Amino acid sequence: MRIFKTALASAVVACGLATSAIAADVTLKLGHIAESEHPYAKGAEYFAQRVGELSDGAIEVKVFPSSQLGDQKALIEGLVFGSVDMALTGTAVLGQFLPEISIFDLPFLFEDRAHAYASLDSVGVEMGANLEKRGIKLLGYMENGIRHMTNSDHAIATPADMEGLKIRVMNNKIYVETINALGASATPMAFAELYTALQQHTVDGQENPSAHIFTKRFFEVQPYASLTAHAYSPEPVLISMVSWNRMSEEQQAIVSQAAKEAVDWQRELSTQKDDEYWAKIRETGQMEITEVDRSAFADAVQPVHEKFAKMVGQDNLDKIAALKSN
């Protein structure tokens, strides 16, 4: 009986090892900079879950949040060289590698989320195909969210209230020009350094979607938020061509299908969470949230569109404009 039990235990262990071997047939490391509770971090986890389910465990996606695999620039460089398998990054940084994709960073480009999704899933996908010759494949666009201003000095209602403020932005020409056009001083800075910079008043403010404002706890060091909704932030789902080409066509199809499902799921989650985050921020009592004259902000940054029209392609701007509902 003891011999039988030993043999059975050995068989179970062997079976477990075999299962592990199958699960490790393809392992993809996916990095991003958000906290684990952020909607696109949840989207990454959902993607990993669907890949596992669709592949019956033969493909495993390991998610590394909070800049564990590096900042966005390092992640993109890793994709190019194959040292990073997958990443979620903003177009603001991706634009350094493919300038025309920076079109999605232009202020007041979209009339609403539906317009953004229609543009990303058509014009954005067409642009993304150009990344492949640079070593990166686009699988779709999740979202970071709709961006708003916060600061530690005073409430902002009009562009005139921006004058003299030092605002942190991503290292992106369009973001720099946008903040400067509003009368503030744009200060490029890595996201990982931002909370400390706000805390120490190295910068007066920053601009980000509600998800980052809440999950990164910026409300603790920024008493004023202004609902400028000045830009929409997509979050491209990217895979290294090195990693992509290592997979069979069947495996590639599974990863693509999982990405499509995860994009749809994450966009719905992000929309739902946006209102929830603002409600939670209000509940803290630490941040005054102000409505703004958005038309005045849109007028002030119109020169930014004109300045970058050639870089992003006037034809692309026209295609996006044609997708508006009105």
C-alpha atoms as a PDB file:
ATOM      1  CA  MET A   1       0.000   0.000   0.000  1.00  0.00           C
ATOM      2  CA  ARG A   2       2.870   2.344   0.906  1.00  0.00           C
ATOM      3  CA  ILE A   3       4.546   1.602  -2.424  1.00  0.00           C
ATOM      4  CA  PHE A   4       1.272   2.369  -4.240  1.00  0.00           C
ATOM      5  CA  LYS A   5       0.950   5.717  -2.417  1.00  0.00           C
ATOM      6  CA  THR A   6       4.545   6.586  -3.259  1.00  0.00           C
ATOM      7  CA  ALA A   7       3.980   5.738  -6.909  1.00  0.00           C
ATOM      8  CA  LEU A   8       0.772   7.761  -6.948  1.00  0.00           C
ATOM      9  CA  ALA A   9       2.526  10.748  -5.376  1.00  0.00           C
ATOM     10  CA  SER A  10       5.275  10.502  -7.960  1.00  0.00           C
ATOM     11  CA  ALA A  11       2.707  10.416 -10.734  1.00  0.00           C
ATOM     12  CA  VAL A  12       0.995  13.520  -9.340  1.00  0.00           C
ATOM     13  CA  VAL A  13       4.330  15.337  -9.153  1.00  0.00           C
ATOM     14  CA  ALA A  14       5.188  14.256 -12.691  1.00  0.00           C
ATOM     15  CA  CYS A  15       1.790  15.425 -13.887  1.00  0.00           C
ATOM     16  CA  GLY A  16       2.336  18.759 -12.159  1.00  0.00           C
ATOM     17  CA  LEU A  17       5.709  19.158 -13.801  1.00  0.00           C
ATOM     18  CA  ALA A  18       4.207  18.350 -17.179  1.00  0.00           C
ATOM     19  CA  THR A  19       1.498  20.943 -16.643  1.00  0.00           C
ATOM     20  CA  SER A  20       4.123  23.512 -15.656  1.00  0.00           C
ATOM     21  CA  ALA A  21       6.083  22.688 -18.779  1.00  0.00           C
ATOM     22  CA  ILE A  22       2.981  23.281 -20.911  1.00  0.00           C
ATOM     23  CA  ALA A  23       2.223  26.548 -19.105  1.00  0.00           C
ATOM     24  CA  ALA A  24       5.775  27.698 -19.677  1.00  0.00           C
ATOM     25  CA  ASP A  25       5.718  26.836 -23.392  1.00  0.00           C
ATOM     26  CA  VAL A  26       5.497  30.581 -24.093  1.00  0.00           C
ATOM     27  CA  THR A  27       5.969  33.112 -21.297  1.00  0.00           C
ATOM     28  CA  LEU A  28       5.522  36.812 -22.012  1.00  0.00           C
ATOM     29  CA  LYS A  29       6.559  39.535 -19.581  1.00  0.00           C
ATOM     30  CA  LEU A  30       4.329  42.622 -19.787  1.00  0.00           C
ATOM     31  CA  GLY A  31       5.384  45.863 -18.125  1.00  0.00           C
ATOM     32  CA  HIS A  32       3.646  49.173 -17.428  1.00  0.00           C
ATOM     33  CA  ILE A  33       4.038  52.134 -15.031  1.00  0.00           C
ATOM     34  CA  ALA A  34       0.619  52.215 -13.317  1.00  0.00           C
ATOM     35  CA  GLU A  35      -0.348  51.036  -9.856  1.00  0.00           C
ATOM     36  CA  SER A  36      -2.040  47.624  -9.769  1.00  0.00           C
ATOM     37  CA  GLU A  37      -5.516  49.087  -9.144  1.00  0.00           C
ATOM     38  CA  HIS A  38      -5.391  51.424 -12.152  1.00  0.00           C
ATOM     39  CA  PRO A  39      -7.949  50.521 -14.879  1.00  0.00           C
ATOM     40  CA  TYR A  40      -5.308  49.780 -17.502  1.00  0.00           C
ATOM     41  CA  ALA A  41      -3.388  47.702 -14.958  1.00  0.00           C
ATOM     42  CA  LYS A  42      -6.614  45.744 -14.510  1.00  0.00           C
ATOM     43  CA  GLY A  43      -6.818  45.540 -18.308  1.00  0.00           C
ATOM     44  CA  ALA A  44      -3.341  44.000 -18.398  1.00  0.00           C
ATOM     45  CA  GLU A  45      -4.391  41.399 -15.826  1.00  0.00           C
ATOM     46  CA  TYR A  46      -7.561  40.615 -17.783  1.00  0.00           C
ATOM     47  CA  PHE A  47      -5.485  40.215 -20.944  1.00  0.00           C
ATOM     48  CA  ALA A  48      -3.155  37.813 -19.138  1.00  0.00           C
ATOM     49  CA  GLN A  49      -6.160  35.838 -17.874  1.00  0.00           C
ATOM     50  CA  ARG A  50      -7.718  35.569 -21.341  1.00  0.00           C
ATOM     51  CA  VAL A  51      -4.434  34.491 -22.934  1.00  0.00           C
ATOM     52  CA  GLY A  52      -4.192  31.694 -20.378  1.00  0.00           C
ATOM     53  CA  GLU A  53      -7.790  30.644 -20.936  1.00  0.00           C
ATOM     54  CA  LEU A  54      -7.687  30.760 -24.739  1.00  0.00           C
ATOM     55  CA  SER A  55      -4.397  28.839 -24.858  1.00  0.00           C
ATOM     56  CA  ASP A  56      -5.400  26.295 -22.194  1.00  0.00           C
ATOM     57  CA  GLY A  57      -2.407  27.438 -20.184  1.00  0.00           C
ATOM     58  CA  ALA A  58       0.135  26.998 -22.961  1.00  0.00           C
ATOM     59  CA  ILE A  59       0.847  30.745 -23.069  1.00  0.00           C
ATOM     60  CA  GLU A  60       1.518  32.633 -19.845  1.00  0.00           C
ATOM     61  CA  VAL A  61       1.581  36.412 -19.490  1.00  0.00           C
ATOM     62  CA  LYS A  62       3.325  37.752 -16.388  1.00  0.00           C
ATOM     63  CA  VAL A  63       2.390  41.365 -15.590  1.00  0.00           C
ATOM     64  CA  PHE A  64       4.867  43.754 -13.962  1.00  0.00           C
ATOM     65  CA  PRO A  65       3.185  47.003 -12.813  1.00  0.00           C
ATOM     66  CA  SER A  66       4.575  50.184 -11.233  1.00  0.00           C
ATOM     67  CA  SER A  67       7.630  50.598 -13.522  1.00  0.00           C
ATOM     68  CA  GLN A  68       9.163  47.302 -12.353  1.00  0.00           C
ATOM     69  CA  LEU A  69      10.543  46.744 -15.853  1.00  0.00           C
ATOM     70  CA  GLY A  70      11.452  50.424 -16.330  1.00  0.00           C
ATOM     71  CA  ASP A  71       9.809  53.689 -17.306  1.00  0.00           C
ATOM     72  CA  GLN A  72       7.890  54.033 -20.558  1.00  0.00           C
ATOM     73  CA  LYS A  73      10.906  54.929 -22.671  1.00  0.00           C
ATOM     74  CA  ALA A  74      12.847  51.959 -21.285  1.00  0.00           C
ATOM     75  CA  LEU A  75       9.881  49.678 -21.962  1.00  0.00           C
ATOM     76  CA  ILE A  76       9.649  50.785 -25.584  1.00  0.00           C
ATOM     77  CA  GLU A  77      13.381  50.399 -26.103  1.00  0.00           C
ATOM     78  CA  GLY A  78      13.107  46.938 -24.553  1.00  0.00           C
ATOM     79  CA  LEU A  79      10.393  46.044 -27.060  1.00  0.00           C
ATOM     80  CA  VAL A  80      12.602  47.151 -29.938  1.00  0.00           C
ATOM     81  CA  PHE A  81      15.539  45.039 -28.778  1.00  0.00           C
ATOM     82  CA  GLY A  82      13.452  42.119 -27.533  1.00  0.00           C
ATOM     83  CA  SER A  83      14.466  42.414 -23.872  1.00  0.00           C
ATOM     84  CA  VAL A  84      10.832  43.246 -22.988  1.00  0.00           C
ATOM     85  CA  ASP A  85       8.071  41.088 -24.480  1.00  0.00           C
ATOM     86  CA  MET A  86       5.060  43.355 -24.019  1.00  0.00           C
ATOM     87  CA  ALA A  87       4.161  46.767 -22.649  1.00  0.00           C
ATOM     88  CA  LEU A  88       1.381  49.265 -22.142  1.00  0.00           C
ATOM     89  CA  THR A  89       2.678  52.762 -22.825  1.00  0.00           C
ATOM     90  CA  GLY A  90       1.281  56.183 -23.641  1.00  0.00           C
ATOM     91  CA  THR A  91       1.363  57.622 -27.153  1.00  0.00           C
ATOM     92  CA  ALA A  92       3.165  60.629 -25.686  1.00  0.00           C
ATOM     93  CA  VAL A  93       6.303  58.505 -25.264  1.00  0.00           C
ATOM     94  CA  LEU A  94       5.643  56.201 -28.213  1.00  0.00           C
ATOM     95  CA  GLY A  95       5.628  59.323 -30.402  1.00  0.00           C
ATOM     96  CA  GLN A  96       9.394  59.562 -29.926  1.00  0.00           C
ATOM     97  CA  PHE A  97       9.639  56.368 -32.001  1.00  0.00           C
ATOM     98  CA  LEU A  98       6.745  57.066 -34.398  1.00  0.00           C
ATOM     99  CA  PRO A  99       6.070  60.837 -34.590  1.00  0.00           C
ATOM    100  CA  GLU A 100       2.694  60.631 -36.367  1.00  0.00           C
ATOM    101  CA  ILE A 101       1.154  58.632 -33.509  1.00  0.00           C
ATOM    102  CA  SER A 102       1.581  61.769 -31.388  1.00  0.00           C
ATOM    103  CA  ILE A 103      -1.576  63.008 -33.091  1.00  0.00           C
ATOM    104  CA  PHE A 104      -3.507  61.440 -30.216  1.00  0.00           C
ATOM    105  CA  ASP A 105      -1.738  63.745 -27.753  1.00  0.00           C
ATOM    106  CA  LEU A 106      -3.107  66.912 -29.355  1.00  0.00           C
ATOM    107  CA  PRO A 107      -5.348  68.899 -27.015  1.00  0.00           C
ATOM    108  CA  PHE A 108      -9.106  68.912 -27.592  1.00  0.00           C
ATOM    109  CA  LEU A 109      -8.778  66.445 -30.486  1.00  0.00           C
ATOM    110  CA  PHE A 110     -11.862  64.369 -29.647  1.00  0.00           C
ATOM    111  CA  GLU A 111     -15.431  65.397 -28.890  1.00  0.00           C
ATOM    112  CA  ASP A 112     -16.018  62.403 -26.579  1.00  0.00           C
ATOM    113  CA  ARG A 113     -14.895  58.850 -25.831  1.00  0.00           C
ATOM    114  CA  ALA A 114     -16.910  57.374 -28.712  1.00  0.00           C
ATOM    115  CA  HIS A 115     -15.069  59.661 -31.132  1.00  0.00           C
ATOM    116  CA  ALA A 116     -11.750  58.649 -29.570  1.00  0.00           C
ATOM    117  CA  TYR A 117     -12.495  54.926 -29.907  1.00  0.00           C
ATOM    118  CA  ALA A 118     -13.616  55.278 -33.542  1.00  0.00           C
ATOM    119  CA  SER A 119     -10.426  57.204 -34.359  1.00  0.00           C
ATOM    120  CA  LEU A 120      -8.078  54.832 -32.545  1.00  0.00           C
ATOM    121  CA  ASP A 121      -9.643  51.720 -34.035  1.00  0.00           C
ATOM    122  CA  SER A 122      -9.268  53.071 -37.580  1.00  0.00           C
ATOM    123  CA  VAL A 123      -6.676  55.824 -37.993  1.00  0.00           C
ATOM    124  CA  GLY A 124      -4.770  54.600 -34.940  1.00  0.00           C
ATOM    125  CA  VAL A 125      -4.564  51.011 -36.168  1.00  0.00           C
ATOM    126  CA  GLU A 126      -3.343  52.168 -39.578  1.00  0.00           C
ATOM    127  CA  MET A 127      -0.588  54.206 -37.919  1.00  0.00           C
ATOM    128  CA  GLY A 128       0.304  51.349 -35.606  1.00  0.00           C
ATOM    129  CA  ALA A 129       1.187  49.136 -38.552  1.00  0.00           C
ATOM    130  CA  ASN A 130       4.170  51.429 -39.160  1.00  0.00           C
ATOM    131  CA  LEU A 131       5.627  50.401 -35.807  1.00  0.00           C
ATOM    132  CA  GLU A 132       6.374  46.897 -37.070  1.00  0.00           C
ATOM    133  CA  LYS A 133       9.381  47.968 -39.137  1.00  0.00           C
ATOM    134  CA  ARG A 134      10.697  49.546 -35.920  1.00  0.00           C
ATOM    135  CA  GLY A 135      10.407  46.248 -34.052  1.00  0.00           C
ATOM    136  CA  ILE A 136       7.031  46.719 -32.301  1.00  0.00           C
ATOM    137  CA  LYS A 137       3.562  45.366 -33.055  1.00  0.00           C
ATOM    138  CA  LEU A 138       0.396  47.188 -31.971  1.00  0.00           C
ATOM    139  CA  LEU A 139      -2.397  44.923 -30.687  1.00  0.00           C
ATOM    140  CA  GLY A 140      -4.934  47.640 -29.858  1.00  0.00           C
ATOM    141  CA  TYR A 141      -5.584  50.653 -27.660  1.00  0.00           C
ATOM    142  CA  MET A 142      -6.672  50.518 -24.055  1.00  0.00           C
ATOM    143  CA  GLU A 143      -7.082  53.891 -22.360  1.00  0.00           C
ATOM    144  CA  ASN A 144      -5.387  55.851 -19.632  1.00  0.00           C
ATOM    145  CA  GLY A 145      -8.263  58.309 -19.578  1.00  0.00           C
ATOM    146  CA  ILE A 146      -9.216  61.965 -19.895  1.00  0.00           C
ATOM    147  CA  ARG A 147      -6.592  64.381 -18.608  1.00  0.00           C
ATOM    148  CA  HIS A 148      -7.183  67.240 -16.159  1.00  0.00           C
ATOM    149  CA  MET A 149      -5.021  69.836 -14.388  1.00  0.00           C
ATOM    150  CA  THR A 150      -4.113  69.820 -10.706  1.00  0.00           C
ATOM    151  CA  ASN A 151      -1.927  72.240  -8.750  1.00  0.00           C
ATOM    152  CA  SER A 152      -0.962  73.337  -5.259  1.00  0.00           C
ATOM    153  CA  ASP A 153      -1.390  77.097  -5.670  1.00  0.00           C
ATOM    154  CA  HIS A 154      -4.940  78.111  -6.608  1.00  0.00           C
ATOM    155  CA  ALA A 155      -8.097  77.066  -8.433  1.00  0.00           C
ATOM    156  CA  ILE A 156      -7.933  77.282 -12.235  1.00  0.00           C
ATOM    157  CA  ALA A 157     -11.013  78.350 -14.205  1.00  0.00           C
ATOM    158  CA  THR A 158      -9.534  80.064 -17.268  1.00  0.00           C
ATOM    159  CA  PRO A 159      -6.189  79.963 -19.110  1.00  0.00           C
ATOM    160  CA  ALA A 160      -5.233  83.216 -17.379  1.00  0.00           C
ATOM    161  CA  ASP A 161      -5.148  81.272 -14.096  1.00  0.00           C
ATOM    162  CA  MET A 162      -2.373  79.071 -15.507  1.00  0.00           C
ATOM    163  CA  GLU A 163       0.100  81.930 -15.794  1.00  0.00           C
ATOM    164  CA  GLY A 164       3.260  81.450 -13.756  1.00  0.00           C
ATOM    165  CA  LEU A 165       2.550  77.852 -12.727  1.00  0.00           C
ATOM    166  CA  LYS A 166       5.202  75.186 -13.252  1.00  0.00           C
ATOM    167  CA  ILE A 167       3.402  72.104 -14.568  1.00  0.00           C
ATOM    168  CA  ARG A 168       4.957  68.674 -14.913  1.00  0.00           C
ATOM    169  CA  VAL A 169       4.409  66.993 -18.288  1.00  0.00           C
ATOM    170  CA  MET A 170       5.692  63.895 -20.033  1.00  0.00           C
ATOM    171  CA  ASN A 171       8.762  64.382 -22.198  1.00  0.00           C
ATOM    172  CA  ASN A 172       6.706  65.112 -25.300  1.00  0.00           C
ATOM    173  CA  LYS A 173       6.800  68.190 -27.542  1.00  0.00           C
ATOM    174  CA  ILE A 174       3.018  68.434 -27.875  1.00  0.00           C
ATOM    175  CA  TYR A 175       2.455  68.359 -24.127  1.00  0.00           C
ATOM    176  CA  VAL A 176       5.171  70.947 -23.603  1.00  0.00           C
ATOM    177  CA  GLU A 177       3.702  73.262 -26.240  1.00  0.00           C
ATOM    178  CA  THR A 178       0.176  72.779 -24.887  1.00  0.00           C
ATOM    179  CA  ILE A 179       1.078  73.805 -21.340  1.00  0.00           C
ATOM    180  CA  ASN A 180       3.197  76.714 -22.560  1.00  0.00           C
ATOM    181  CA  ALA A 181       0.356  77.908 -24.818  1.00  0.00           C
ATOM    182  CA  LEU A 182      -1.840  78.100 -21.724  1.00  0.00           C
ATOM    183  CA  GLY A 183       0.617  80.464 -20.059  1.00  0.00           C
ATOM    184  CA  ALA A 184       2.227  78.013 -17.652  1.00  0.00           C
ATOM    185  CA  SER A 185       5.761  76.645 -17.688  1.00  0.00           C
ATOM    186  CA  ALA A 186       5.988  73.029 -18.858  1.00  0.00           C
ATOM    187  CA  THR A 187       8.477  70.868 -16.954  1.00  0.00           C
ATOM    188  CA  PRO A 188       9.172  67.398 -18.428  1.00  0.00           C
ATOM    189  CA  MET A 189       9.724  64.802 -15.718  1.00  0.00           C
ATOM    190  CA  ALA A 190       9.571  61.025 -15.282  1.00  0.00           C
ATOM    191  CA  PHE A 191       6.295  59.799 -13.814  1.00  0.00           C
ATOM    192  CA  ALA A 192       8.046  57.861 -11.051  1.00  0.00           C
ATOM    193  CA  GLU A 193       9.524  61.125  -9.735  1.00  0.00           C
ATOM    194  CA  LEU A 194       6.279  63.091  -9.813  1.00  0.00           C
ATOM    195  CA  TYR A 195       4.776  62.550  -6.352  1.00  0.00           C
ATOM    196  CA  THR A 196       7.987  63.618  -4.619  1.00  0.00           C
ATOM    197  CA  ALA A 197       8.330  66.628  -6.934  1.00  0.00           C
ATOM    198  CA  LEU A 198       4.794  67.722  -6.070  1.00  0.00           C
ATOM    199  CA  GLN A 199       5.368  67.103  -2.382  1.00  0.00           C
ATOM    200  CA  GLN A 200       8.574  69.168  -2.374  1.00  0.00           C
ATOM    201  CA  HIS A 201       7.067  71.857  -4.653  1.00  0.00           C
ATOM    202  CA  THR A 202       9.693  71.288  -7.316  1.00  0.00           C
ATOM    203  CA  VAL A 203       6.699  71.731  -9.631  1.00  0.00           C
ATOM    204  CA  ASP A 204       3.379  73.396  -8.836  1.00  0.00           C
ATOM    205  CA  GLY A 205       1.140  70.963 -10.638  1.00  0.00           C
ATOM    206  CA  GLN A 206       0.611  68.191 -13.131  1.00  0.00           C
ATOM    207  CA  GLU A 207      -2.010  66.875 -15.551  1.00  0.00           C
ATOM    208  CA  ASN A 208      -3.365  63.336 -15.645  1.00  0.00           C
ATOM    209  CA  PRO A 209      -6.569  61.300 -15.732  1.00  0.00           C
ATOM    210  CA  SER A 210      -8.540  60.721 -12.521  1.00  0.00           C
ATOM    211  CA  ALA A 211      -7.178  57.174 -12.225  1.00  0.00           C
ATOM    212  CA  HIS A 212      -3.608  58.398 -11.738  1.00  0.00           C
ATOM    213  CA  ILE A 213      -4.704  61.316  -9.551  1.00  0.00           C
ATOM    214  CA  PHE A 214      -6.384  58.844  -7.206  1.00  0.00           C
ATOM    215  CA  THR A 215      -4.185  55.744  -7.372  1.00  0.00           C
ATOM    216  CA  LYS A 216      -0.965  57.766  -7.126  1.00  0.00           C
ATOM    217  CA  ARG A 217      -2.577  59.811  -4.320  1.00  0.00           C
ATOM    218  CA  PHE A 218      -1.767  63.157  -5.917  1.00  0.00           C
ATOM    219  CA  PHE A 219      -4.756  64.585  -4.037  1.00  0.00           C
ATOM    220  CA  GLU A 220      -2.590  64.441  -0.885  1.00  0.00           C
ATOM    221  CA  VAL A 221      -0.193  67.051  -2.299  1.00  0.00           C
ATOM    222  CA  GLN A 222      -2.418  68.895  -4.805  1.00  0.00           C
ATOM    223  CA  PRO A 223      -5.332  70.762  -3.194  1.00  0.00           C
ATOM    224  CA  TYR A 224      -6.780  71.996  -6.499  1.00  0.00           C
ATOM    225  CA  ALA A 225      -8.117  70.057  -9.487  1.00  0.00           C
ATOM    226  CA  SER A 226      -9.549  71.677 -12.617  1.00  0.00           C
ATOM    227  CA  LEU A 227     -11.741  69.643 -14.976  1.00  0.00           C
ATOM    228  CA  THR A 228     -10.078  70.867 -18.141  1.00  0.00           C
ATOM    229  CA  ALA A 229     -10.484  67.552 -20.040  1.00  0.00           C
ATOM    230  CA  HIS A 230      -7.834  69.025 -22.309  1.00  0.00           C
ATOM    231  CA  ALA A 231      -6.585  65.731 -23.733  1.00  0.00           C
ATOM    232  CA  TYR A 232      -7.452  62.062 -24.042  1.00  0.00           C
ATOM    233  CA  SER A 233      -4.796  59.448 -23.320  1.00  0.00           C
ATOM    234  CA  PRO A 234      -4.821  56.115 -25.163  1.00  0.00           C
ATOM    235  CA  GLU A 235      -2.745  53.255 -23.794  1.00  0.00           C
ATOM    236  CA  PRO A 236      -1.411  51.140 -26.686  1.00  0.00           C
ATOM    237  CA  VAL A 237      -0.993  47.408 -26.117  1.00  0.00           C
ATOM    238  CA  LEU A 238       2.377  46.538 -27.633  1.00  0.00           C
ATOM    239  CA  ILE A 239       4.416  43.404 -28.240  1.00  0.00           C
ATOM    240  CA  SER A 240       8.002  43.081 -29.381  1.00  0.00           C
ATOM    241  CA  MET A 241       8.355  41.760 -32.934  1.00  0.00           C
ATOM    242  CA  VAL A 242      11.121  39.530 -31.546  1.00  0.00           C
ATOM    243  CA  SER A 243       8.623  37.899 -29.174  1.00  0.00           C
ATOM    244  CA  TRP A 244       5.839  37.916 -31.785  1.00  0.00           C
ATOM    245  CA  ASN A 245       7.961  36.116 -34.374  1.00  0.00           C
ATOM    246  CA  ARG A 246       8.900  33.415 -31.874  1.00  0.00           C
ATOM    247  CA  MET A 247       5.268  32.329 -31.671  1.00  0.00           C
ATOM    248  CA  SER A 248       3.352  30.102 -34.046  1.00  0.00           C
ATOM    249  CA  GLU A 249       0.465  31.535 -36.076  1.00  0.00           C
ATOM    250  CA  GLU A 250      -1.964  29.827 -33.718  1.00  0.00           C
ATOM    251  CA  GLN A 251      -0.299  31.404 -30.693  1.00  0.00           C
ATOM    252  CA  GLN A 252      -0.274  34.813 -32.387  1.00  0.00           C
ATOM    253  CA  ALA A 253      -4.001  34.490 -33.085  1.00  0.00           C
ATOM    254  CA  ILE A 254      -4.665  33.714 -29.412  1.00  0.00           C
ATOM    255  CA  VAL A 255      -2.676  36.742 -28.223  1.00  0.00           C
ATOM    256  CA  SER A 256      -4.433  38.995 -30.761  1.00  0.00           C
ATOM    257  CA  GLN A 257      -7.881  37.754 -29.749  1.00  0.00           C
ATOM    258  CA  ALA A 258      -7.118  38.195 -26.052  1.00  0.00           C
ATOM    259  CA  ALA A 259      -5.892  41.742 -26.707  1.00  0.00           C
ATOM    260  CA  LYS A 260      -9.090  42.626 -28.580  1.00  0.00           C
ATOM    261  CA  GLU A 261     -11.258  41.307 -25.764  1.00  0.00           C
ATOM    262  CA  ALA A 262      -9.134  43.050 -23.134  1.00  0.00           C
ATOM    263  CA  VAL A 263      -9.323  46.401 -24.937  1.00  0.00           C
ATOM    264  CA  ASP A 264     -13.141  46.277 -25.009  1.00  0.00           C
ATOM    265  CA  TRP A 265     -13.297  45.168 -21.379  1.00  0.00           C
ATOM    266  CA  GLN A 266     -10.815  47.767 -20.156  1.00  0.00           C
ATOM    267  CA  ARG A 267     -12.455  50.708 -21.935  1.00  0.00           C
ATOM    268  CA  GLU A 268     -15.751  49.886 -20.253  1.00  0.00           C
ATOM    269  CA  LEU A 269     -14.047  49.571 -16.871  1.00  0.00           C
ATOM    270  CA  SER A 270     -12.163  52.842 -17.338  1.00  0.00           C
ATOM    271  CA  THR A 271     -15.328  54.764 -18.174  1.00  0.00           C
ATOM    272  CA  GLN A 272     -17.060  53.367 -15.101  1.00  0.00           C
ATOM    273  CA  LYS A 273     -14.099  54.045 -12.814  1.00  0.00           C
ATOM    274  CA  ASP A 274     -13.645  57.658 -13.953  1.00  0.00           C
ATOM    275  CA  ASP A 275     -16.731  58.852 -12.058  1.00  0.00           C
ATOM    276  CA  GLU A 276     -15.893  56.586  -9.122  1.00  0.00           C
ATOM    277  CA  TYR A 277     -12.398  58.035  -8.760  1.00  0.00           C
ATOM    278  CA  TRP A 278     -13.660  61.620  -8.724  1.00  0.00           C
ATOM    279  CA  ALA A 279     -16.220  60.634  -6.095  1.00  0.00           C
ATOM    280  CA  LYS A 280     -13.493  59.029  -3.975  1.00  0.00           C
ATOM    281  CA  ILE A 281     -11.266  62.085  -4.371  1.00  0.00           C
ATOM    282  CA  ARG A 282     -14.124  64.329  -3.213  1.00  0.00           C
ATOM    283  CA  GLU A 283     -14.673  62.059  -0.218  1.00  0.00           C
ATOM    284  CA  THR A 284     -11.101  62.665   0.971  1.00  0.00           C
ATOM    285  CA  GLY A 285     -11.901  66.357   1.420  1.00  0.00           C
ATOM    286  CA  GLN A 286      -8.320  67.123   0.391  1.00  0.00           C
ATOM    287  CA  MET A 287      -8.939  68.439  -3.121  1.00  0.00           C
ATOM    288  CA  GLU A 288     -11.157  71.250  -4.407  1.00  0.00           C
ATOM    289  CA  ILE A 289     -12.522  70.293  -7.845  1.00  0.00           C
ATOM    290  CA  THR A 290     -13.403  73.153 -10.206  1.00  0.00           C
ATOM    291  CA  GLU A 291     -15.250  73.343 -13.528  1.00  0.00           C
ATOM    292  CA  VAL A 292     -13.532  75.441 -16.206  1.00  0.00           C
ATOM    293  CA  ASP A 293     -14.292  77.425 -19.343  1.00  0.00           C
ATOM    294  CA  ARG A 294     -13.221  74.653 -21.736  1.00  0.00           C
ATOM    295  CA  SER A 295     -13.879  76.729 -24.860  1.00  0.00           C
ATOM    296  CA  ALA A 296     -11.331  79.296 -23.675  1.00  0.00           C
ATOM    297  CA  PHE A 297      -8.772  76.530 -23.134  1.00  0.00           C
ATOM    298  CA  ALA A 298      -9.496  75.033 -26.562  1.00  0.00           C
ATOM    299  CA  ASP A 299      -9.042  78.416 -28.242  1.00  0.00           C
ATOM    300  CA  ALA A 300      -5.767  79.035 -26.416  1.00  0.00           C
ATOM    301  CA  VAL A 301      -4.167  75.795 -27.657  1.00  0.00           C
ATOM    302  CA  GLN A 302      -5.330  75.975 -31.279  1.00  0.00           C
ATOM    303  CA  PRO A 303      -1.820  77.083 -32.377  1.00  0.00           C
ATOM    304  CA  VAL A 304      -0.533  73.713 -31.113  1.00  0.00           C
ATOM    305  CA  HIS A 305      -2.642  71.922 -33.746  1.00  0.00           C
ATOM    306  CA  GLU A 306      -1.288  74.204 -36.435  1.00  0.00           C
ATOM    307  CA  LYS A 307       2.313  73.742 -35.318  1.00  0.00           C
ATOM    308  CA  PHE A 308       2.214  69.933 -35.406  1.00  0.00           C
ATOM    309  CA  ALA A 309      -0.144  69.380 -38.361  1.00  0.00           C
ATOM    310  CA  LYS A 310       2.730  68.525 -40.691  1.00  0.00           C
ATOM    311  CA  MET A 311       4.364  66.127 -38.233  1.00  0.00           C
ATOM    312  CA  VAL A 312       1.199  64.124 -37.496  1.00  0.00           C
ATOM    313  CA  GLY A 313      -0.244  64.486 -41.011  1.00  0.00           C
ATOM    314  CA  GLN A 314      -3.023  66.849 -42.015  1.00  0.00           C
ATOM    315  CA  ASP A 315      -4.722  63.924 -43.756  1.00  0.00           C
ATOM    316  CA  ASN A 316      -4.854  62.082 -40.429  1.00  0.00           C
ATOM    317  CA  LEU A 317      -6.342  65.152 -38.741  1.00  0.00           C
ATOM    318  CA  ASP A 318      -8.964  65.320 -41.477  1.00  0.00           C
ATOM    319  CA  LYS A 319      -9.827  61.619 -41.070  1.00  0.00           C
ATOM    320  CA  ILE A 320     -10.304  62.070 -37.321  1.00  0.00           C
ATOM    321  CA  ALA A 321     -12.397  65.200 -37.807  1.00  0.00           C
ATOM    322  CA  ALA A 322     -14.610  63.299 -40.281  1.00  0.00           C
ATOM    323  CA  LEU A 323     -15.406  60.724 -37.578  1.00  0.00           C
ATOM    324  CA  LYS A 324     -17.109  63.282 -35.324  1.00  0.00           C
ATOM    325  CA  SER A 325     -20.800  62.652 -34.766  1.00  0.00           C
ATOM    326  CA  ASN A 326     -21.818  66.248 -35.480  1.00  0.00           C
END
